[in-house]
């Protein structure tokens, strides 16, 4: 049996699963740092990587807790289900697991295309890859990194299946000018938070306009409601 080795971890402001983008985004302003583990903190291993604009990350859904109705695997434990409920389809319609990018899989492996912004020199961690567009939780284990190649990896005429219906879905985000001015003065990463909220982090089956939702990102706590297609910011506070 093949043994997978963790070569790096993702570091960003996503301290909880709520709010993480459901897919990688080309136009994202959110940065993620790829910190290599000591055994793979080898400069030569990154030789030539600056020549690529995009990379593939192979990683683990390391905090997936499971889903009701899963089948039992060979070890007798509940470990996967042949169908899942994609959030963007309302959370009630089931599709085949291999027709989705759900984290509830036989093997909890994720694949993400990211933009390589730069390679930084770190005194403590050696060379660090700074990327954008990652849909990863802070601390996510990364198993491999490969260059993205347009001549083999890009298929502009490909069909998007049922995902085509919701690919442009987004919400308008509104915040009071006084509150925006105050948090901006304190260094709040507002553009990143606005991007996260515009993608609607709620489970699709939740549609209560009076419910106050809570998002934690990069040390900031955000309380908000959603009325129709508009996110209304109630409060934004620095946690520490």
C-alpha atoms as a PDB file:
ATOM      1  CA  UNK A   1       0.000   0.000   0.000  1.00  0.00           C
ATOM      2  CA  UNK A   2       1.289   3.437  -0.939  1.00  0.00           C
ATOM      3  CA  UNK A   3       2.171   5.766   1.935  1.00  0.00           C
ATOM      4  CA  UNK A   4       1.349   9.418   1.357  1.00  0.00           C
ATOM      5  CA  UNK A   5       3.744  11.933   2.871  1.00  0.00           C
ATOM      6  CA  UNK A   6       2.675  15.414   3.927  1.00  0.00           C
ATOM      7  CA  UNK A   7       5.052  17.776   2.130  1.00  0.00           C
ATOM      8  CA  UNK A   8       3.486  21.077   3.239  1.00  0.00           C
ATOM      9  CA  UNK A   9       0.604  22.781   5.026  1.00  0.00           C
ATOM     10  CA  UNK A  10      -1.658  25.613   3.904  1.00  0.00           C
ATOM     11  CA  UNK A  11      -1.672  28.745   6.054  1.00  0.00           C
ATOM     12  CA  UNK A  12      -4.360  31.416   5.697  1.00  0.00           C
ATOM     13  CA  UNK A  13      -7.161  33.100   7.618  1.00  0.00           C
ATOM     14  CA  UNK A  14      -9.723  30.265   7.405  1.00  0.00           C
ATOM     15  CA  UNK A  15      -9.794  28.992  10.980  1.00  0.00           C
ATOM     16  CA  UNK A  16     -13.154  27.253  10.460  1.00  0.00           C
ATOM     17  CA  UNK A  17     -14.814  25.418   7.572  1.00  0.00           C
ATOM     18  CA  UNK A  18     -17.707  27.899   7.432  1.00  0.00           C
ATOM     19  CA  UNK A  19     -16.798  30.504   4.822  1.00  0.00           C
ATOM     20  CA  UNK A  20     -14.180  28.552   2.867  1.00  0.00           C
ATOM     21  CA  UNK A  21     -14.824  28.952  -0.887  1.00  0.00           C
ATOM     22  CA  UNK A  22     -16.552  25.895  -2.329  1.00  0.00           C
ATOM     23  CA  UNK A  23     -14.245  26.016  -5.366  1.00  0.00           C
ATOM     24  CA  UNK A  24     -10.962  27.694  -6.190  1.00  0.00           C
ATOM     25  CA  UNK A  25     -11.396  31.123  -7.795  1.00  0.00           C
ATOM     26  CA  UNK A  26      -9.170  32.708 -10.400  1.00  0.00           C
ATOM     27  CA  UNK A  27     -10.082  36.267  -9.339  1.00  0.00           C
ATOM     28  CA  UNK A  28      -9.631  35.725  -5.578  1.00  0.00           C
ATOM     29  CA  UNK A  29      -7.796  38.326  -3.496  1.00  0.00           C
ATOM     30  CA  UNK A  30      -7.298  35.859  -0.622  1.00  0.00           C
ATOM     31  CA  UNK A  31      -3.711  34.711  -0.183  1.00  0.00           C
ATOM     32  CA  UNK A  32      -2.608  31.326   1.132  1.00  0.00           C
ATOM     33  CA  UNK A  33       0.960  30.483   2.161  1.00  0.00           C
ATOM     34  CA  UNK A  34       2.250  26.997   1.387  1.00  0.00           C
ATOM     35  CA  UNK A  35       4.690  26.130   4.189  1.00  0.00           C
ATOM     36  CA  UNK A  36       6.832  23.063   3.524  1.00  0.00           C
ATOM     37  CA  UNK A  37       7.502  20.504   6.250  1.00  0.00           C
ATOM     38  CA  UNK A  38      11.181  20.318   7.339  1.00  0.00           C
ATOM     39  CA  UNK A  39      11.957  17.176   5.308  1.00  0.00           C
ATOM     40  CA  UNK A  40      10.813  18.872   2.081  1.00  0.00           C
ATOM     41  CA  UNK A  41      12.109  22.341   2.821  1.00  0.00           C
ATOM     42  CA  UNK A  42      14.650  21.923   0.045  1.00  0.00           C
ATOM     43  CA  UNK A  43      15.416  24.863  -2.224  1.00  0.00           C
ATOM     44  CA  UNK A  44      16.311  22.669  -5.209  1.00  0.00           C
ATOM     45  CA  UNK A  45      12.840  21.087  -5.143  1.00  0.00           C
ATOM     46  CA  UNK A  46      11.348  24.432  -6.256  1.00  0.00           C
ATOM     47  CA  UNK A  47      13.879  25.188  -8.978  1.00  0.00           C
ATOM     48  CA  UNK A  48      11.993  26.549 -12.018  1.00  0.00           C
ATOM     49  CA  UNK A  49       8.627  26.934 -10.302  1.00  0.00           C
ATOM     50  CA  UNK A  50       8.627  30.732 -10.788  1.00  0.00           C
ATOM     51  CA  UNK A  51       8.141  30.089 -14.497  1.00  0.00           C
ATOM     52  CA  UNK A  52       4.580  28.886 -13.917  1.00  0.00           C
ATOM     53  CA  UNK A  53       1.595  31.138 -13.250  1.00  0.00           C
ATOM     54  CA  UNK A  54      -0.626  28.380 -11.837  1.00  0.00           C
ATOM     55  CA  UNK A  55      -0.157  25.204  -9.820  1.00  0.00           C
ATOM     56  CA  UNK A  56      -2.136  22.106  -8.854  1.00  0.00           C
ATOM     57  CA  UNK A  57      -2.361  21.264  -5.152  1.00  0.00           C
ATOM     58  CA  UNK A  58      -3.189  17.722  -4.025  1.00  0.00           C
ATOM     59  CA  UNK A  59      -4.393  17.780  -0.428  1.00  0.00           C
ATOM     60  CA  UNK A  60      -6.508  16.148   2.292  1.00  0.00           C
ATOM     61  CA  UNK A  61      -9.963  16.978   3.667  1.00  0.00           C
ATOM     62  CA  UNK A  62      -8.473  16.487   7.112  1.00  0.00           C
ATOM     63  CA  UNK A  63     -11.429  17.729   9.177  1.00  0.00           C
ATOM     64  CA  UNK A  64     -14.300  15.960   7.442  1.00  0.00           C
ATOM     65  CA  UNK A  65     -16.412  14.444  10.199  1.00  0.00           C
ATOM     66  CA  UNK A  66     -18.742  12.308   8.108  1.00  0.00           C
ATOM     67  CA  UNK A  67     -22.321  12.374   6.914  1.00  0.00           C
ATOM     68  CA  UNK A  68     -25.477  10.542   7.941  1.00  0.00           C
ATOM     69  CA  UNK A  69     -26.360   7.528   5.834  1.00  0.00           C
ATOM     70  CA  UNK A  70     -22.832   6.490   4.948  1.00  0.00           C
ATOM     71  CA  UNK A  71     -22.024   2.916   4.021  1.00  0.00           C
ATOM     72  CA  UNK A  72     -19.651   0.668   5.924  1.00  0.00           C
ATOM     73  CA  UNK A  73     -16.272  -0.034   4.372  1.00  0.00           C
ATOM     74  CA  UNK A  74     -14.126  -3.149   4.577  1.00  0.00           C
ATOM     75  CA  UNK A  75     -12.931  -2.212   8.055  1.00  0.00           C
ATOM     76  CA  UNK A  76     -16.495  -2.094   9.343  1.00  0.00           C
ATOM     77  CA  UNK A  77     -16.395   1.653   9.874  1.00  0.00           C
ATOM     78  CA  UNK A  78     -18.732   4.170   8.302  1.00  0.00           C
ATOM     79  CA  UNK A  79     -16.545   5.871   5.738  1.00  0.00           C
ATOM     80  CA  UNK A  80     -18.341   6.867   2.533  1.00  0.00           C
ATOM     81  CA  UNK A  81     -21.637   7.242   0.698  1.00  0.00           C
ATOM     82  CA  UNK A  82     -22.285   6.692  -3.040  1.00  0.00           C
ATOM     83  CA  UNK A  83     -24.433   9.833  -3.146  1.00  0.00           C
ATOM     84  CA  UNK A  84     -24.008  13.273  -1.594  1.00  0.00           C
ATOM     85  CA  UNK A  85     -26.045  16.481  -1.383  1.00  0.00           C
ATOM     86  CA  UNK A  86     -24.293  19.385  -3.162  1.00  0.00           C
ATOM     87  CA  UNK A  87     -24.972  22.637  -1.232  1.00  0.00           C
ATOM     88  CA  UNK A  88     -25.611  24.669  -4.356  1.00  0.00           C
ATOM     89  CA  UNK A  89     -28.489  22.353  -5.320  1.00  0.00           C
ATOM     90  CA  UNK A  90     -30.326  23.193  -2.117  1.00  0.00           C
ATOM     91  CA  UNK A  91     -28.829  20.534   0.106  1.00  0.00           C
ATOM     92  CA  UNK A  92     -31.681  18.090  -0.546  1.00  0.00           C
ATOM     93  CA  UNK A  93     -30.991  16.717  -4.037  1.00  0.00           C
ATOM     94  CA  UNK A  94     -28.578  13.794  -4.130  1.00  0.00           C
ATOM     95  CA  UNK A  95     -25.943  13.270  -6.833  1.00  0.00           C
ATOM     96  CA  UNK A  96     -23.305  10.605  -7.304  1.00  0.00           C
ATOM     97  CA  UNK A  97     -20.209  11.302  -5.226  1.00  0.00           C
ATOM     98  CA  UNK A  98     -17.959  10.960  -8.279  1.00  0.00           C
ATOM     99  CA  UNK A  99     -20.050  13.582 -10.093  1.00  0.00           C
ATOM    100  CA  UNK A 100     -19.277  16.146  -7.370  1.00  0.00           C
ATOM    101  CA  UNK A 101     -16.373  17.683  -5.486  1.00  0.00           C
ATOM    102  CA  UNK A 102     -17.870  16.839  -2.122  1.00  0.00           C
ATOM    103  CA  UNK A 103     -15.397  16.183   0.731  1.00  0.00           C
ATOM    104  CA  UNK A 104     -17.360  13.030   1.683  1.00  0.00           C
ATOM    105  CA  UNK A 105     -15.424  10.574  -0.485  1.00  0.00           C
ATOM    106  CA  UNK A 106     -13.902   7.081  -0.229  1.00  0.00           C
ATOM    107  CA  UNK A 107     -10.541   8.835  -0.003  1.00  0.00           C
ATOM    108  CA  UNK A 108     -10.708  12.405   1.400  1.00  0.00           C
ATOM    109  CA  UNK A 109      -8.448  13.864  -1.292  1.00  0.00           C
ATOM    110  CA  UNK A 110      -8.880  17.337  -2.774  1.00  0.00           C
ATOM    111  CA  UNK A 111      -7.484  18.870  -5.950  1.00  0.00           C
ATOM    112  CA  UNK A 112      -7.193  22.633  -6.387  1.00  0.00           C
ATOM    113  CA  UNK A 113      -5.817  24.888  -9.099  1.00  0.00           C
ATOM    114  CA  UNK A 114      -4.227  28.062  -7.688  1.00  0.00           C
ATOM    115  CA  UNK A 115      -2.396  31.083  -9.012  1.00  0.00           C
ATOM    116  CA  UNK A 116       1.247  31.368  -7.933  1.00  0.00           C
ATOM    117  CA  UNK A 117       1.718  34.957  -6.797  1.00  0.00           C
ATOM    118  CA  UNK A 118       5.313  34.755  -5.621  1.00  0.00           C
ATOM    119  CA  UNK A 119       7.986  32.714  -3.882  1.00  0.00           C
ATOM    120  CA  UNK A 120       9.070  34.235  -0.564  1.00  0.00           C
ATOM    121  CA  UNK A 121      12.166  33.669   1.514  1.00  0.00           C
ATOM    122  CA  UNK A 122      11.361  32.939   5.168  1.00  0.00           C
ATOM    123  CA  UNK A 123      13.903  32.813   7.992  1.00  0.00           C
ATOM    124  CA  UNK A 124      11.952  30.090   9.802  1.00  0.00           C
ATOM    125  CA  UNK A 125      10.352  28.113   6.968  1.00  0.00           C
ATOM    126  CA  UNK A 126      12.692  28.393   3.992  1.00  0.00           C
ATOM    127  CA  UNK A 127      11.045  29.126   0.654  1.00  0.00           C
ATOM    128  CA  UNK A 128       7.292  29.675   0.875  1.00  0.00           C
ATOM    129  CA  UNK A 129       4.822  29.622  -2.000  1.00  0.00           C
ATOM    130  CA  UNK A 130       2.218  32.399  -1.851  1.00  0.00           C
ATOM    131  CA  UNK A 131      -0.863  31.524  -3.900  1.00  0.00           C
ATOM    132  CA  UNK A 132      -4.389  32.829  -4.444  1.00  0.00           C
ATOM    133  CA  UNK A 133      -7.627  31.013  -5.192  1.00  0.00           C
ATOM    134  CA  UNK A 134      -7.143  28.199  -2.670  1.00  0.00           C
ATOM    135  CA  UNK A 135     -10.270  26.648  -1.135  1.00  0.00           C
ATOM    136  CA  UNK A 136      -8.373  25.247   1.854  1.00  0.00           C
ATOM    137  CA  UNK A 137      -8.742  25.368   5.615  1.00  0.00           C
ATOM    138  CA  UNK A 138      -5.805  26.742   7.589  1.00  0.00           C
ATOM    139  CA  UNK A 139      -3.490  23.824   8.368  1.00  0.00           C
ATOM    140  CA  UNK A 140      -4.618  21.636   5.468  1.00  0.00           C
ATOM    141  CA  UNK A 141      -2.023  18.911   4.724  1.00  0.00           C
ATOM    142  CA  UNK A 142      -0.682  19.034   1.171  1.00  0.00           C
ATOM    143  CA  UNK A 143       0.592  15.858  -0.476  1.00  0.00           C
ATOM    144  CA  UNK A 144       1.875  17.151  -3.795  1.00  0.00           C
ATOM    145  CA  UNK A 145       2.346  20.225  -5.970  1.00  0.00           C
ATOM    146  CA  UNK A 146       2.397  20.103  -9.760  1.00  0.00           C
ATOM    147  CA  UNK A 147       2.554  22.799 -12.447  1.00  0.00           C
ATOM    148  CA  UNK A 148      -0.644  23.690 -14.289  1.00  0.00           C
ATOM    149  CA  UNK A 149      -0.201  23.377 -18.062  1.00  0.00           C
ATOM    150  CA  UNK A 150      -2.599  25.144 -20.433  1.00  0.00           C
ATOM    151  CA  UNK A 151      -1.943  22.773 -23.338  1.00  0.00           C
ATOM    152  CA  UNK A 152      -2.988  19.687 -21.382  1.00  0.00           C
ATOM    153  CA  UNK A 153      -4.984  20.868 -18.341  1.00  0.00           C
ATOM    154  CA  UNK A 154      -7.253  23.476 -19.929  1.00  0.00           C
ATOM    155  CA  UNK A 155     -10.392  22.394 -21.808  1.00  0.00           C
ATOM    156  CA  UNK A 156     -12.448  25.524 -22.646  1.00  0.00           C
ATOM    157  CA  UNK A 157     -15.172  23.511 -24.404  1.00  0.00           C
ATOM    158  CA  UNK A 158     -15.727  21.084 -21.512  1.00  0.00           C
ATOM    159  CA  UNK A 159     -19.227  20.593 -20.090  1.00  0.00           C
ATOM    160  CA  UNK A 160     -19.798  21.643 -16.468  1.00  0.00           C
ATOM    161  CA  UNK A 161     -22.732  19.325 -15.771  1.00  0.00           C
ATOM    162  CA  UNK A 162     -25.161  20.508 -13.078  1.00  0.00           C
ATOM    163  CA  UNK A 163     -22.473  22.886 -11.721  1.00  0.00           C
ATOM    164  CA  UNK A 164     -23.082  25.191 -14.696  1.00  0.00           C
ATOM    165  CA  UNK A 165     -26.398  26.331 -13.187  1.00  0.00           C
ATOM    166  CA  UNK A 166     -24.815  27.970 -10.132  1.00  0.00           C
ATOM    167  CA  UNK A 167     -21.329  28.941 -11.318  1.00  0.00           C
ATOM    168  CA  UNK A 168     -22.137  32.693 -11.409  1.00  0.00           C
ATOM    169  CA  UNK A 169     -24.140  32.758  -8.183  1.00  0.00           C
ATOM    170  CA  UNK A 170     -23.165  35.532  -5.776  1.00  0.00           C
ATOM    171  CA  UNK A 171     -24.631  37.907  -3.221  1.00  0.00           C
ATOM    172  CA  UNK A 172     -24.383  41.669  -2.791  1.00  0.00           C
ATOM    173  CA  UNK A 173     -22.601  42.657   0.423  1.00  0.00           C
ATOM    174  CA  UNK A 174     -23.694  45.804   2.277  1.00  0.00           C
ATOM    175  CA  UNK A 175     -22.002  47.457   5.256  1.00  0.00           C
ATOM    176  CA  UNK A 176     -22.536  50.806   6.941  1.00  0.00           C
ATOM    177  CA  UNK A 177     -19.981  53.435   5.914  1.00  0.00           C
ATOM    178  CA  UNK A 178     -19.091  54.244   9.529  1.00  0.00           C
ATOM    179  CA  UNK A 179     -18.411  50.597  10.348  1.00  0.00           C
ATOM    180  CA  UNK A 180     -16.361  50.103   7.182  1.00  0.00           C
ATOM    181  CA  UNK A 181     -14.279  53.175   7.964  1.00  0.00           C
ATOM    182  CA  UNK A 182     -13.665  51.991  11.528  1.00  0.00           C
ATOM    183  CA  UNK A 183     -12.557  48.438  10.662  1.00  0.00           C
ATOM    184  CA  UNK A 184     -10.448  49.621   7.729  1.00  0.00           C
ATOM    185  CA  UNK A 185      -8.599  51.948  10.078  1.00  0.00           C
ATOM    186  CA  UNK A 186      -7.865  48.936  12.298  1.00  0.00           C
ATOM    187  CA  UNK A 187      -6.423  46.863   9.449  1.00  0.00           C
ATOM    188  CA  UNK A 188      -9.384  44.581   8.741  1.00  0.00           C
ATOM    189  CA  UNK A 189      -8.949  42.533   5.508  1.00  0.00           C
ATOM    190  CA  UNK A 190     -12.314  43.751   4.272  1.00  0.00           C
ATOM    191  CA  UNK A 191     -11.828  42.845   0.600  1.00  0.00           C
ATOM    192  CA  UNK A 192     -11.195  39.218   1.539  1.00  0.00           C
ATOM    193  CA  UNK A 193     -14.179  39.107   3.897  1.00  0.00           C
ATOM    194  CA  UNK A 194     -16.416  40.700   1.269  1.00  0.00           C
ATOM    195  CA  UNK A 195     -15.302  38.094  -1.278  1.00  0.00           C
ATOM    196  CA  UNK A 196     -16.087  35.249   1.136  1.00  0.00           C
ATOM    197  CA  UNK A 197     -19.548  36.570   1.960  1.00  0.00           C
ATOM    198  CA  UNK A 198     -20.442  37.292  -1.671  1.00  0.00           C
ATOM    199  CA  UNK A 199     -20.064  33.562  -2.365  1.00  0.00           C
ATOM    200  CA  UNK A 200     -22.739  32.812   0.276  1.00  0.00           C
ATOM    201  CA  UNK A 201     -21.099  30.542   2.887  1.00  0.00           C
ATOM    202  CA  UNK A 202     -24.471  29.375   4.262  1.00  0.00           C
ATOM    203  CA  UNK A 203     -25.756  25.843   3.699  1.00  0.00           C
ATOM    204  CA  UNK A 204     -28.164  26.159   0.770  1.00  0.00           C
ATOM    205  CA  UNK A 205     -31.092  24.846   2.794  1.00  0.00           C
ATOM    206  CA  UNK A 206     -30.853  27.762   5.268  1.00  0.00           C
ATOM    207  CA  UNK A 207     -32.868  30.767   4.101  1.00  0.00           C
ATOM    208  CA  UNK A 208     -33.986  32.605   7.241  1.00  0.00           C
ATOM    209  CA  UNK A 209     -33.623  36.361   6.703  1.00  0.00           C
ATOM    210  CA  UNK A 210     -33.725  36.972  10.477  1.00  0.00           C
ATOM    211  CA  UNK A 211     -30.992  34.514  11.399  1.00  0.00           C
ATOM    212  CA  UNK A 212     -27.652  36.041  12.373  1.00  0.00           C
ATOM    213  CA  UNK A 213     -24.696  34.090  10.999  1.00  0.00           C
ATOM    214  CA  UNK A 214     -21.156  34.226  12.344  1.00  0.00           C
ATOM    215  CA  UNK A 215     -17.942  34.111  10.322  1.00  0.00           C
ATOM    216  CA  UNK A 216     -14.373  34.018  11.657  1.00  0.00           C
ATOM    217  CA  UNK A 217     -11.588  35.040   9.302  1.00  0.00           C
ATOM    218  CA  UNK A 218      -7.995  36.097  10.026  1.00  0.00           C
ATOM    219  CA  UNK A 219      -8.777  37.025  13.620  1.00  0.00           C
ATOM    220  CA  UNK A 220     -11.933  38.985  12.780  1.00  0.00           C
ATOM    221  CA  UNK A 221     -15.463  38.017  13.801  1.00  0.00           C
ATOM    222  CA  UNK A 222     -18.269  38.988  11.419  1.00  0.00           C
ATOM    223  CA  UNK A 223     -21.986  38.855  12.206  1.00  0.00           C
ATOM    224  CA  UNK A 224     -24.358  39.103   9.252  1.00  0.00           C
ATOM    225  CA  UNK A 225     -27.812  38.310   7.927  1.00  0.00           C
ATOM    226  CA  UNK A 226     -28.917  37.422   4.414  1.00  0.00           C
ATOM    227  CA  UNK A 227     -32.105  38.850   2.939  1.00  0.00           C
ATOM    228  CA  UNK A 228     -32.862  37.536  -0.529  1.00  0.00           C
ATOM    229  CA  UNK A 229     -29.632  38.179  -2.492  1.00  0.00           C
ATOM    230  CA  UNK A 230     -28.089  40.688  -0.069  1.00  0.00           C
ATOM    231  CA  UNK A 231     -25.675  40.160   2.820  1.00  0.00           C
ATOM    232  CA  UNK A 232     -26.186  42.744   5.568  1.00  0.00           C
ATOM    233  CA  UNK A 233     -23.224  43.223   7.933  1.00  0.00           C
ATOM    234  CA  UNK A 234     -24.326  43.645  11.531  1.00  0.00           C
ATOM    235  CA  UNK A 235     -20.982  43.817  13.299  1.00  0.00           C
ATOM    236  CA  UNK A 236     -17.274  43.263  12.700  1.00  0.00           C
ATOM    237  CA  UNK A 237     -14.890  42.909  15.632  1.00  0.00           C
ATOM    238  CA  UNK A 238     -11.243  42.045  16.158  1.00  0.00           C
ATOM    239  CA  UNK A 239     -11.011  38.841  18.219  1.00  0.00           C
ATOM    240  CA  UNK A 240      -7.565  39.532  19.667  1.00  0.00           C
END
